[in-house]
mmCIF file of all heavy atoms, coordinates in Angstrom:
data_MODEL
# 
_entry.id   MODEL 
# 
loop_
_atom_site.group_PDB 
_atom_site.id 
_atom_site.type_symbol 
_atom_site.label_atom_id 
_atom_site.label_alt_id 
_atom_site.label_comp_id 
_atom_site.label_asym_id 
_atom_site.label_entity_id 
_atom_site.label_seq_id 
_atom_site.pdbx_PDB_ins_code 
_atom_site.Cartn_x 
_atom_site.Cartn_y 
_atom_site.Cartn_z 
_atom_site.occupancy 
_atom_site.B_iso_or_equiv 
_atom_site.pdbx_formal_charge 
_atom_site.auth_seq_id 
_atom_site.auth_comp_id 
_atom_site.auth_asym_id 
_atom_site.auth_atom_id 
_atom_site.pdbx_PDB_model_num 
ATOM 1   N N   . GLY A 1 1  ? 4.529  3.720  18.759  1.00 0.00 ? 1  GLY A N   1 
ATOM 2   C CA  . GLY A 1 1  ? 4.878  4.283  17.462  1.00 0.00 ? 1  GLY A CA  1 
ATOM 3   C C   . GLY A 1 1  ? 4.304  3.499  16.299  1.00 0.00 ? 1  GLY A C   1 
ATOM 4   O O   . GLY A 1 1  ? 3.675  2.473  16.452  1.00 0.00 ? 1  GLY A O   1 
ATOM 5   N N   . ASN A 1 2  ? 4.576  4.004  15.123  1.00 0.00 ? 2  ASN A N   1 
ATOM 6   C CA  . ASN A 1 2  ? 4.064  3.446  13.872  1.00 0.00 ? 2  ASN A CA  1 
ATOM 7   C C   . ASN A 1 2  ? 5.027  2.381  13.356  1.00 0.00 ? 2  ASN A C   1 
ATOM 8   O O   . ASN A 1 2  ? 6.205  2.636  13.185  1.00 0.00 ? 2  ASN A O   1 
ATOM 9   C CB  . ASN A 1 2  ? 3.922  4.580  12.855  1.00 0.00 ? 2  ASN A CB  1 
ATOM 10  C CG  . ASN A 1 2  ? 3.295  4.144  11.570  1.00 0.00 ? 2  ASN A CG  1 
ATOM 11  O OD1 . ASN A 1 2  ? 3.026  2.959  11.351  1.00 0.00 ? 2  ASN A OD1 1 
ATOM 12  N ND2 . ASN A 1 2  ? 3.070  5.091  10.689  1.00 0.00 ? 2  ASN A ND2 1 
ATOM 13  N N   . THR A 1 3  ? 4.492  1.179  13.082  1.00 0.00 ? 3  THR A N   1 
ATOM 14  C CA  . THR A 1 3  ? 5.321  0.114  12.535  1.00 0.00 ? 3  THR A CA  1 
ATOM 15  C C   . THR A 1 3  ? 5.248  0.087  11.012  1.00 0.00 ? 3  THR A C   1 
ATOM 16  O O   . THR A 1 3  ? 5.989  -0.658 10.384  1.00 0.00 ? 3  THR A O   1 
ATOM 17  C CB  . THR A 1 3  ? 4.890  -1.266 13.071  1.00 0.00 ? 3  THR A CB  1 
ATOM 18  O OG1 . THR A 1 3  ? 3.573  -1.548 12.635  1.00 0.00 ? 3  THR A OG1 1 
ATOM 19  C CG2 . THR A 1 3  ? 4.965  -1.314 14.576  1.00 0.00 ? 3  THR A CG2 1 
ATOM 20  N N   . GLY A 1 4  ? 4.334  0.828  10.429  1.00 0.00 ? 4  GLY A N   1 
ATOM 21  C CA  . GLY A 1 4  ? 4.193  0.876  8.967   1.00 0.00 ? 4  GLY A CA  1 
ATOM 22  C C   . GLY A 1 4  ? 3.277  -0.176 8.389   1.00 0.00 ? 4  GLY A C   1 
ATOM 23  O O   . GLY A 1 4  ? 3.088  -0.243 7.177   1.00 0.00 ? 4  GLY A O   1 
ATOM 24  N N   . ILE A 1 5  ? 2.646  -0.980 9.223   1.00 0.00 ? 5  ILE A N   1 
ATOM 25  C CA  . ILE A 1 5  ? 1.775  -2.043 8.711   1.00 0.00 ? 5  ILE A CA  1 
ATOM 26  C C   . ILE A 1 5  ? 0.558  -1.486 7.974   1.00 0.00 ? 5  ILE A C   1 
ATOM 27  O O   . ILE A 1 5  ? 0.118  -2.042 6.989   1.00 0.00 ? 5  ILE A O   1 
ATOM 28  C CB  . ILE A 1 5  ? 1.354  -3.024 9.815   1.00 0.00 ? 5  ILE A CB  1 
ATOM 29  C CG1 . ILE A 1 5  ? 0.726  -4.280 9.191   1.00 0.00 ? 5  ILE A CG1 1 
ATOM 30  C CG2 . ILE A 1 5  ? 0.403  -2.405 10.785  1.00 0.00 ? 5  ILE A CG2 1 
ATOM 31  C CD1 . ILE A 1 5  ? 0.572  -5.418 10.139  1.00 0.00 ? 5  ILE A CD1 1 
ATOM 32  N N   . GLY A 1 6  ? 0.021  -0.363 8.448   1.00 0.00 ? 6  GLY A N   1 
ATOM 33  C CA  . GLY A 1 6  ? -1.136 0.243  7.786   1.00 0.00 ? 6  GLY A CA  1 
ATOM 34  C C   . GLY A 1 6  ? -0.793 0.707  6.368   1.00 0.00 ? 6  GLY A C   1 
ATOM 35  O O   . GLY A 1 6  ? -1.540 0.478  5.429   1.00 0.00 ? 6  GLY A O   1 
ATOM 36  N N   . SER A 1 7  ? 0.347  1.341  6.219   1.00 0.00 ? 7  SER A N   1 
ATOM 37  C CA  . SER A 1 7  ? 0.797  1.794  4.891   1.00 0.00 ? 7  SER A CA  1 
ATOM 38  C C   . SER A 1 7  ? 1.046  0.620  3.965   1.00 0.00 ? 7  SER A C   1 
ATOM 39  O O   . SER A 1 7  ? 0.700  0.672  2.780   1.00 0.00 ? 7  SER A O   1 
ATOM 40  C CB  . SER A 1 7  ? 2.082  2.622  5.012   1.00 0.00 ? 7  SER A CB  1 
ATOM 41  O OG  . SER A 1 7  ? 1.860  3.757  5.789   1.00 0.00 ? 7  SER A OG  1 
ATOM 42  N N   . LYS A 1 8  ? 1.628  -0.449 4.490   1.00 0.00 ? 8  LYS A N   1 
ATOM 43  C CA  . LYS A 1 8  ? 1.892  -1.640 3.661   1.00 0.00 ? 8  LYS A CA  1 
ATOM 44  C C   . LYS A 1 8  ? 0.593  -2.260 3.181   1.00 0.00 ? 8  LYS A C   1 
ATOM 45  O O   . LYS A 1 8  ? 0.483  -2.673 2.038   1.00 0.00 ? 8  LYS A O   1 
ATOM 46  C CB  . LYS A 1 8  ? 2.695  -2.657 4.459   1.00 0.00 ? 8  LYS A CB  1 
ATOM 47  C CG  . LYS A 1 8  ? 4.118  -2.242 4.730   1.00 0.00 ? 8  LYS A CG  1 
ATOM 48  C CD  . LYS A 1 8  ? 4.822  -3.254 5.610   1.00 0.00 ? 8  LYS A CD  1 
ATOM 49  C CE  . LYS A 1 8  ? 6.115  -2.682 6.150   1.00 0.00 ? 8  LYS A CE  1 
ATOM 50  N NZ  . LYS A 1 8  ? 6.691  -3.506 7.205   1.00 0.00 ? 8  LYS A NZ  1 
ATOM 51  N N   . ARG A 1 9  ? -0.395 -2.333 4.066   1.00 0.00 ? 9  ARG A N   1 
ATOM 52  C CA  . ARG A 1 9  ? -1.695 -2.926 3.685   1.00 0.00 ? 9  ARG A CA  1 
ATOM 53  C C   . ARG A 1 9  ? -2.390 -2.062 2.645   1.00 0.00 ? 9  ARG A C   1 
ATOM 54  O O   . ARG A 1 9  ? -2.934 -2.569 1.662   1.00 0.00 ? 9  ARG A O   1 
ATOM 55  C CB  . ARG A 1 9  ? -2.592 -3.100 4.907   1.00 0.00 ? 9  ARG A CB  1 
ATOM 56  C CG  . ARG A 1 9  ? -2.190 -4.274 5.758   1.00 0.00 ? 9  ARG A CG  1 
ATOM 57  C CD  . ARG A 1 9  ? -3.065 -4.428 6.981   1.00 0.00 ? 9  ARG A CD  1 
ATOM 58  N NE  . ARG A 1 9  ? -4.477 -4.345 6.732   1.00 0.00 ? 9  ARG A NE  1 
ATOM 59  C CZ  . ARG A 1 9  ? -5.287 -5.367 6.443   1.00 0.00 ? 9  ARG A CZ  1 
ATOM 60  N NH1 . ARG A 1 9  ? -4.772 -6.567 6.358   1.00 0.00 ? 9  ARG A NH1 1 
ATOM 61  N NH2 . ARG A 1 9  ? -6.568 -5.181 6.278   1.00 0.00 ? 9  ARG A NH2 1 
ATOM 62  N N   . LEU A 1 10 ? -2.369 -0.746 2.837   1.00 0.00 ? 10 LEU A N   1 
ATOM 63  C CA  . LEU A 1 10 ? -2.986 0.161  1.881   1.00 0.00 ? 10 LEU A CA  1 
ATOM 64  C C   . LEU A 1 10 ? -2.327 0.020  0.520   1.00 0.00 ? 10 LEU A C   1 
ATOM 65  O O   . LEU A 1 10 ? -2.988 -0.062 -0.507  1.00 0.00 ? 10 LEU A O   1 
ATOM 66  C CB  . LEU A 1 10 ? -2.916 1.600  2.367   1.00 0.00 ? 10 LEU A CB  1 
ATOM 67  C CG  . LEU A 1 10 ? -3.488 2.659  1.444   1.00 0.00 ? 10 LEU A CG  1 
ATOM 68  C CD1 . LEU A 1 10 ? -4.979 2.389  1.184   1.00 0.00 ? 10 LEU A CD1 1 
ATOM 69  C CD2 . LEU A 1 10 ? -3.295 4.055  2.028   1.00 0.00 ? 10 LEU A CD2 1 
ATOM 70  N N   . SER A 1 11 ? -1.003 -0.033 0.512   1.00 0.00 ? 11 SER A N   1 
ATOM 71  C CA  . SER A 1 11 ? -0.264 -0.197 -0.733  1.00 0.00 ? 11 SER A CA  1 
ATOM 72  C C   . SER A 1 11 ? -0.641 -1.494 -1.435  1.00 0.00 ? 11 SER A C   1 
ATOM 73  O O   . SER A 1 11 ? -0.820 -1.543 -2.656  1.00 0.00 ? 11 SER A O   1 
ATOM 74  C CB  . SER A 1 11 ? 1.234  -0.161 -0.451  1.00 0.00 ? 11 SER A CB  1 
ATOM 75  O OG  . SER A 1 11 ? 1.974  -0.351 -1.613  1.00 0.00 ? 11 SER A OG  1 
ATOM 76  N N   . ALA A 1 12 ? -0.767 -2.584 -0.665  1.00 0.00 ? 12 ALA A N   1 
ATOM 77  C CA  . ALA A 1 12 ? -1.149 -3.876 -1.237  1.00 0.00 ? 12 ALA A CA  1 
ATOM 78  C C   . ALA A 1 12 ? -2.554 -3.834 -1.818  1.00 0.00 ? 12 ALA A C   1 
ATOM 79  O O   . ALA A 1 12 ? -2.800 -4.400 -2.893  1.00 0.00 ? 12 ALA A O   1 
ATOM 80  C CB  . ALA A 1 12 ? -1.038 -4.965 -0.180  1.00 0.00 ? 12 ALA A CB  1 
ATOM 81  N N   . PHE A 1 13 ? -3.483 -3.184 -1.128  1.00 0.00 ? 13 PHE A N   1 
ATOM 82  C CA  . PHE A 1 13 ? -4.844 -3.077 -1.635  1.00 0.00 ? 13 PHE A CA  1 
ATOM 83  C C   . PHE A 1 13 ? -4.903 -2.275 -2.944  1.00 0.00 ? 13 PHE A C   1 
ATOM 84  O O   . PHE A 1 13 ? -5.603 -2.637 -3.886  1.00 0.00 ? 13 PHE A O   1 
ATOM 85  C CB  . PHE A 1 13 ? -5.774 -2.431 -0.609  1.00 0.00 ? 13 PHE A CB  1 
ATOM 86  C CG  . PHE A 1 13 ? -6.036 -3.282 0.612   1.00 0.00 ? 13 PHE A CG  1 
ATOM 87  C CD1 . PHE A 1 13 ? -6.178 -2.697 1.848   1.00 0.00 ? 13 PHE A CD1 1 
ATOM 88  C CD2 . PHE A 1 13 ? -6.131 -4.661 0.519   1.00 0.00 ? 13 PHE A CD2 1 
ATOM 89  C CE1 . PHE A 1 13 ? -6.424 -3.455 2.984   1.00 0.00 ? 13 PHE A CE1 1 
ATOM 90  C CE2 . PHE A 1 13 ? -6.358 -5.436 1.640   1.00 0.00 ? 13 PHE A CE2 1 
ATOM 91  C CZ  . PHE A 1 13 ? -6.498 -4.833 2.875   1.00 0.00 ? 13 PHE A CZ  1 
ATOM 92  N N   . VAL A 1 14 ? -4.170 -1.176 -2.995  1.00 0.00 ? 14 VAL A N   1 
ATOM 93  C CA  . VAL A 1 14 ? -4.143 -0.335 -4.200  1.00 0.00 ? 14 VAL A CA  1 
ATOM 94  C C   . VAL A 1 14 ? -3.516 -1.124 -5.352  1.00 0.00 ? 14 VAL A C   1 
ATOM 95  O O   . VAL A 1 14 ? -4.012 -1.116 -6.475  1.00 0.00 ? 14 VAL A O   1 
ATOM 96  C CB  . VAL A 1 14 ? -3.403 0.985  -3.947  1.00 0.00 ? 14 VAL A CB  1 
ATOM 97  C CG1 . VAL A 1 14 ? -3.149 1.715  -5.244  1.00 0.00 ? 14 VAL A CG1 1 
ATOM 98  C CG2 . VAL A 1 14 ? -4.206 1.850  -3.009  1.00 0.00 ? 14 VAL A CG2 1 
ATOM 99  N N   . GLU A 1 15 ? -2.431 -1.812 -5.065  1.00 0.00 ? 15 GLU A N   1 
ATOM 100 C CA  . GLU A 1 15 ? -1.770 -2.601 -6.109  1.00 0.00 ? 15 GLU A CA  1 
ATOM 101 C C   . GLU A 1 15 ? -2.687 -3.708 -6.636  1.00 0.00 ? 15 GLU A C   1 
ATOM 102 O O   . GLU A 1 15 ? -2.747 -3.964 -7.844  1.00 0.00 ? 15 GLU A O   1 
ATOM 103 C CB  . GLU A 1 15 ? -0.481 -3.191 -5.579  1.00 0.00 ? 15 GLU A CB  1 
ATOM 104 C CG  . GLU A 1 15 ? 0.342  -3.865 -6.653  1.00 0.00 ? 15 GLU A CG  1 
ATOM 105 C CD  . GLU A 1 15 ? 1.733  -4.250 -6.167  1.00 0.00 ? 15 GLU A CD  1 
ATOM 106 O OE1 . GLU A 1 15 ? 2.124  -3.856 -5.055  1.00 0.00 ? 15 GLU A OE1 1 
ATOM 107 O OE2 . GLU A 1 15 ? 2.420  -4.931 -6.927  1.00 0.00 ? 15 GLU A OE2 1 
ATOM 108 N N   . GLN A 1 16 ? -3.442 -4.301 -5.753  1.00 0.00 ? 16 GLN A N   1 
ATOM 109 C CA  . GLN A 1 16 ? -4.389 -5.345 -6.169  1.00 0.00 ? 16 GLN A CA  1 
ATOM 110 C C   . GLN A 1 16 ? -5.502 -4.763 -7.039  1.00 0.00 ? 16 GLN A C   1 
ATOM 111 O O   . GLN A 1 16 ? -5.881 -5.342 -8.036  1.00 0.00 ? 16 GLN A O   1 
ATOM 112 C CB  . GLN A 1 16 ? -4.999 -6.021 -4.927  1.00 0.00 ? 16 GLN A CB  1 
ATOM 113 C CG  . GLN A 1 16 ? -5.959 -7.137 -5.269  1.00 0.00 ? 16 GLN A CG  1 
ATOM 114 C CD  . GLN A 1 16 ? -6.528 -7.768 -4.000  1.00 0.00 ? 16 GLN A CD  1 
ATOM 115 O OE1 . GLN A 1 16 ? -6.315 -7.292 -2.890  1.00 0.00 ? 16 GLN A OE1 1 
ATOM 116 N NE2 . GLN A 1 16 ? -7.282 -8.811 -4.179  1.00 0.00 ? 16 GLN A NE2 1 
ATOM 117 N N   . ALA A 1 17 ? -5.986 -3.590 -6.675  1.00 0.00 ? 17 ALA A N   1 
ATOM 118 C CA  . ALA A 1 17 ? -7.093 -2.980 -7.408  1.00 0.00 ? 17 ALA A CA  1 
ATOM 119 C C   . ALA A 1 17 ? -6.644 -2.373 -8.729  1.00 0.00 ? 17 ALA A C   1 
ATOM 120 O O   . ALA A 1 17 ? -7.336 -2.489 -9.756  1.00 0.00 ? 17 ALA A O   1 
ATOM 121 C CB  . ALA A 1 17 ? -7.742 -1.889 -6.554  1.00 0.00 ? 17 ALA A CB  1 
ATOM 122 N N   . VAL A 1 18 ? -5.471 -1.730 -8.755  1.00 0.00 ? 18 VAL A N   1 
ATOM 123 C CA  . VAL A 1 18 ? -5.039 -0.981 -9.911  1.00 0.00 ? 18 VAL A CA  1 
ATOM 124 C C   . VAL A 1 18 ? -4.031 -1.764 -10.763 1.00 0.00 ? 18 VAL A C   1 
ATOM 125 O O   . VAL A 1 18 ? -3.910 -1.543 -11.964 1.00 0.00 ? 18 VAL A O   1 
ATOM 126 C CB  . VAL A 1 18 ? -4.420 0.380  -9.478  1.00 0.00 ? 18 VAL A CB  1 
ATOM 127 C CG1 . VAL A 1 18 ? -3.899 1.173  -10.641 1.00 0.00 ? 18 VAL A CG1 1 
ATOM 128 C CG2 . VAL A 1 18 ? -5.435 1.179  -8.694  1.00 0.00 ? 18 VAL A CG2 1 
ATOM 129 N N   . GLY A 1 19 ? -3.307 -2.686 -10.126 1.00 0.00 ? 19 GLY A N   1 
ATOM 130 C CA  . GLY A 1 19 ? -2.297 -3.434 -10.836 1.00 0.00 ? 19 GLY A CA  1 
ATOM 131 C C   . GLY A 1 19 ? -0.911 -2.879 -10.652 1.00 0.00 ? 19 GLY A C   1 
ATOM 132 O O   . GLY A 1 19 ? 0.070  -3.416 -11.159 1.00 0.00 ? 19 GLY A O   1 
ATOM 133 N N   . SER A 1 20 ? -0.800 -1.775 -9.932  1.00 0.00 ? 20 SER A N   1 
ATOM 134 C CA  . SER A 1 20 ? 0.492  -1.139 -9.688  1.00 0.00 ? 20 SER A CA  1 
ATOM 135 C C   . SER A 1 20 ? 0.392  -0.311 -8.419  1.00 0.00 ? 20 SER A C   1 
ATOM 136 O O   . SER A 1 20 ? -0.663 0.191  -8.086  1.00 0.00 ? 20 SER A O   1 
ATOM 137 C CB  . SER A 1 20 ? 0.857  -0.234 -10.875 1.00 0.00 ? 20 SER A CB  1 
ATOM 138 O OG  . SER A 1 20 ? 2.016  0.484  -10.614 1.00 0.00 ? 20 SER A OG  1 
ATOM 139 N N   . ASP A 1 21 ? 1.497  -0.194 -7.717  1.00 0.00 ? 21 ASP A N   1 
ATOM 140 C CA  . ASP A 1 21 ? 1.520  0.639  -6.512  1.00 0.00 ? 21 ASP A CA  1 
ATOM 141 C C   . ASP A 1 21 ? 1.677  2.081  -6.894  1.00 0.00 ? 21 ASP A C   1 
ATOM 142 O O   . ASP A 1 21 ? 2.786  2.546  -7.125  1.00 0.00 ? 21 ASP A O   1 
ATOM 143 C CB  . ASP A 1 21 ? 2.653  0.171  -5.583  1.00 0.00 ? 21 ASP A CB  1 
ATOM 144 C CG  . ASP A 1 21 ? 2.668  0.951  -4.276  1.00 0.00 ? 21 ASP A CG  1 
ATOM 145 O OD1 . ASP A 1 21 ? 1.739  1.723  -4.028  1.00 0.00 ? 21 ASP A OD1 1 
ATOM 146 O OD2 . ASP A 1 21 ? 3.612  0.754  -3.513  1.00 0.00 ? 21 ASP A OD2 1 
ATOM 147 N N   . ILE A 1 22 ? 0.561  2.798  -6.967  1.00 0.00 ? 22 ILE A N   1 
ATOM 148 C CA  . ILE A 1 22 ? 0.625  4.190  -7.398  1.00 0.00 ? 22 ILE A CA  1 
ATOM 149 C C   . ILE A 1 22 ? 0.736  5.165  -6.220  1.00 0.00 ? 22 ILE A C   1 
ATOM 150 O O   . ILE A 1 22 ? 0.902  6.366  -6.416  1.00 0.00 ? 22 ILE A O   1 
ATOM 151 C CB  . ILE A 1 22 ? -0.627 4.563  -8.241  1.00 0.00 ? 22 ILE A CB  1 
ATOM 152 C CG1 . ILE A 1 22 ? -1.908 4.354  -7.440  1.00 0.00 ? 22 ILE A CG1 1 
ATOM 153 C CG2 . ILE A 1 22 ? -0.631 3.775  -9.536  1.00 0.00 ? 22 ILE A CG2 1 
ATOM 154 C CD1 . ILE A 1 22 ? -3.153 4.866  -8.123  1.00 0.00 ? 22 ILE A CD1 1 
ATOM 155 N N   . LEU A 1 23 ? 0.649  4.652  -4.997  1.00 0.00 ? 23 LEU A N   1 
ATOM 156 C CA  . LEU A 1 23 ? 0.685  5.511  -3.832  1.00 0.00 ? 23 LEU A CA  1 
ATOM 157 C C   . LEU A 1 23 ? 2.087  5.760  -3.278  1.00 0.00 ? 23 LEU A C   1 
ATOM 158 O O   . LEU A 1 23 ? 2.462  6.878  -2.991  1.00 0.00 ? 23 LEU A O   1 
ATOM 159 C CB  . LEU A 1 23 ? -0.182 4.930  -2.695  1.00 0.00 ? 23 LEU A CB  1 
ATOM 160 C CG  . LEU A 1 23 ? -1.661 4.855  -2.946  1.00 0.00 ? 23 LEU A CG  1 
ATOM 161 C CD1 . LEU A 1 23 ? -2.353 4.226  -1.747  1.00 0.00 ? 23 LEU A CD1 1 
ATOM 162 C CD2 . LEU A 1 23 ? -2.225 6.242  -3.193  1.00 0.00 ? 23 LEU A CD2 1 
ATOM 163 N N   . PHE A 1 24 ? 2.862  4.709  -3.140  1.00 0.00 ? 24 PHE A N   1 
ATOM 164 C CA  . PHE A 1 24 ? 4.112  4.809  -2.401  1.00 0.00 ? 24 PHE A CA  1 
ATOM 165 C C   . PHE A 1 24 ? 5.331  4.474  -3.244  1.00 0.00 ? 24 PHE A C   1 
ATOM 166 O O   . PHE A 1 24 ? 6.293  3.933  -2.761  1.00 0.00 ? 24 PHE A O   1 
ATOM 167 C CB  . PHE A 1 24 ? 4.066  3.862  -1.157  1.00 0.00 ? 24 PHE A CB  1 
ATOM 168 C CG  . PHE A 1 24 ? 2.959  4.192  -0.247  1.00 0.00 ? 24 PHE A CG  1 
ATOM 169 C CD1 . PHE A 1 24 ? 1.856  3.353  -0.131  1.00 0.00 ? 24 PHE A CD1 1 
ATOM 170 C CD2 . PHE A 1 24 ? 2.979  5.334  0.541   1.00 0.00 ? 24 PHE A CD2 1 
ATOM 171 C CE1 . PHE A 1 24 ? 0.810  3.643  0.740   1.00 0.00 ? 24 PHE A CE1 1 
ATOM 172 C CE2 . PHE A 1 24 ? 1.933  5.630  1.408   1.00 0.00 ? 24 PHE A CE2 1 
ATOM 173 C CZ  . PHE A 1 24 ? 0.844  4.787  1.492   1.00 0.00 ? 24 PHE A CZ  1 
ATOM 174 N N   . GLN A 1 25 ? 5.312  4.798  -4.503  1.00 0.00 ? 25 GLN A N   1 
ATOM 175 C CA  . GLN A 1 25 ? 6.452  4.508  -5.384  1.00 0.00 ? 25 GLN A CA  1 
ATOM 176 C C   . GLN A 1 25 ? 7.581  5.431  -5.127  1.00 0.00 ? 25 GLN A C   1 
ATOM 177 O O   . GLN A 1 25 ? 7.524  6.553  -4.868  1.00 0.00 ? 25 GLN A O   1 
ATOM 178 C CB  . GLN A 1 25 ? 6.057  4.577  -6.834  1.00 0.00 ? 25 GLN A CB  1 
ATOM 179 C CG  . GLN A 1 25 ? 5.190  3.417  -7.232  1.00 0.00 ? 25 GLN A CG  1 
ATOM 180 C CD  . GLN A 1 25 ? 4.849  3.436  -8.710  1.00 0.00 ? 25 GLN A CD  1 
ATOM 181 O OE1 . GLN A 1 25 ? 5.189  4.361  -9.436  1.00 0.00 ? 25 GLN A OE1 1 
ATOM 182 N NE2 . GLN A 1 25 ? 4.196  2.408  -9.151  1.00 0.00 ? 25 GLN A NE2 1 
# 
């Protein structure tokens, strides 16, 4: 099953690039 690590990493990358978590708020 899915542990959610991929979503967490994607969220961290977006937050780093944009300055805010715009995907999973």
